[in-house]
Amino acid sequence: MEIQLQILTLALTSPYPIIDPLSKLKPEATTQEEKERGNQIAIGFLAASKAHHVEGTRILWKNNTFTFSSHHALRNFGNLSLTFRDQIRHINFRIIAKYYDDERRIRSVNANDGTRIKLKCALRLQENTLSRKGYKSYTWYQLIDFLEALRPPYDPSHPKKQTRPRLLPGLKSLRIDLVNFPKDFLMFPDHDLHRLAAHDLGCTLEELIVTGLPQDERGRKAMMDLTGVVKDDGLVIKAHDTYIQSSGILKLQPDCMLQAKVVRAWKHLASEKLEQEGAALPSSNHHHNHHDATIPPVKAESGHPDSLWRHRRTVWKRIPLTRDSDQRTWAEFSRTWGNMLEDYVEEQDKDDSDDIICEECGEVHDPFSDHDF
């Protein structure tokens, strides 16, 4: 039996993320390299016997990572048993921007790195109404649809008096690759993005990675909204585009460095300071993240190096070496500001916890709220 389980594990574990499981794969959502890989797992093992089907199904959903290029493929996961969905810890969204026009014309824009790309537009029927006339983008609404799919799926057999679990209750980290979201071109994200990230899915993840955000005010607003899904002391990472789609071809971009920060790490200092004064952290100072105050922060990681900072309060996190690297290295972050501390500077080694106290009103505020990330 042990040997059979080892064979099943090897046969049903893919070295690469499985794209759009339980759905038909779209060629325009895959790179040329991904198209040439062929079958990544021996799915036929599940039909060998009842025992192979039971054990193999458990191994399939537990040992693999998954990439979704459409929210429909993500919603199909609701057909899986909660036993399997609860085992998934990480998923990847590959959101390729969709554009619509009622005329046949070519629209080319500058990508975030300055590359000139031609946007693929779906032809829409002309109507005698101005509400759907002209060039339209589905970009931010696509992101909203993906987040909507993570909400609790409908289960008629679930007890009515109990809260329905989310689509992936055990999810700890999420990567969102935005494709063809050019800067200085899109509208501001809809309020529903804030509602989903900061309210419906607020404080549910330990880590969020976002690539391909527009490098403008719209991108910064979207990033601010998305950080709402991360727990206190959680890690948020952003990087340049992973993919660019031009002329209907999805192209992987060269690897690059990333930016990282720890969100709401200042709350730990605020709680300590207010406890010393016999007060509680005001609920109005939860910034844009309105959630249950009983949700615990992300647990501190162990095994990190000793800090050189003697007075400044810091927190350690393991971050990827580059955007697409599987290897991670230790990085130290300021608890007050959330930014990464690269070099020790003796002049800056001072207790900066007073920075969370507003000089004007004397209340606790997020010192990072007015800074760009």
Foldseek 3Di string as FASTA:
>chain_A
DVVVLVVLLCQQAFPDAAELPPDDDDPLLDAPVVVPPPDRHDVCQLVPDVVSVVSSVLSNLQRHEHEYAALVSLLVLLPDDLVSLQNDAEYEYEYEKAKEAQDDDWDWDAAQVRDIFIHDYDHDHDDPDPPPHGIDICQLVRVLSNLVSQQFDDDPPDDPVDDGATSRQNYAEYEYAYEPQEAPPDDAHDCSLLCSQQPRQFARYQEYEYERQYPDPNSQNSVVSNCRNHFQQGKYKYYYHQWYAHPSHIDGDDWFAIFMFGPNLLVVLVQVVVVVVVHHADQVQPPSRNDDPPNDGDDADPDADDDPQDAFDKGKDWDARIDPHPDTDIWIAGSQQRGTDDDDDPVPRHYPSCCQQDPPPRHGHRNNPPPTD
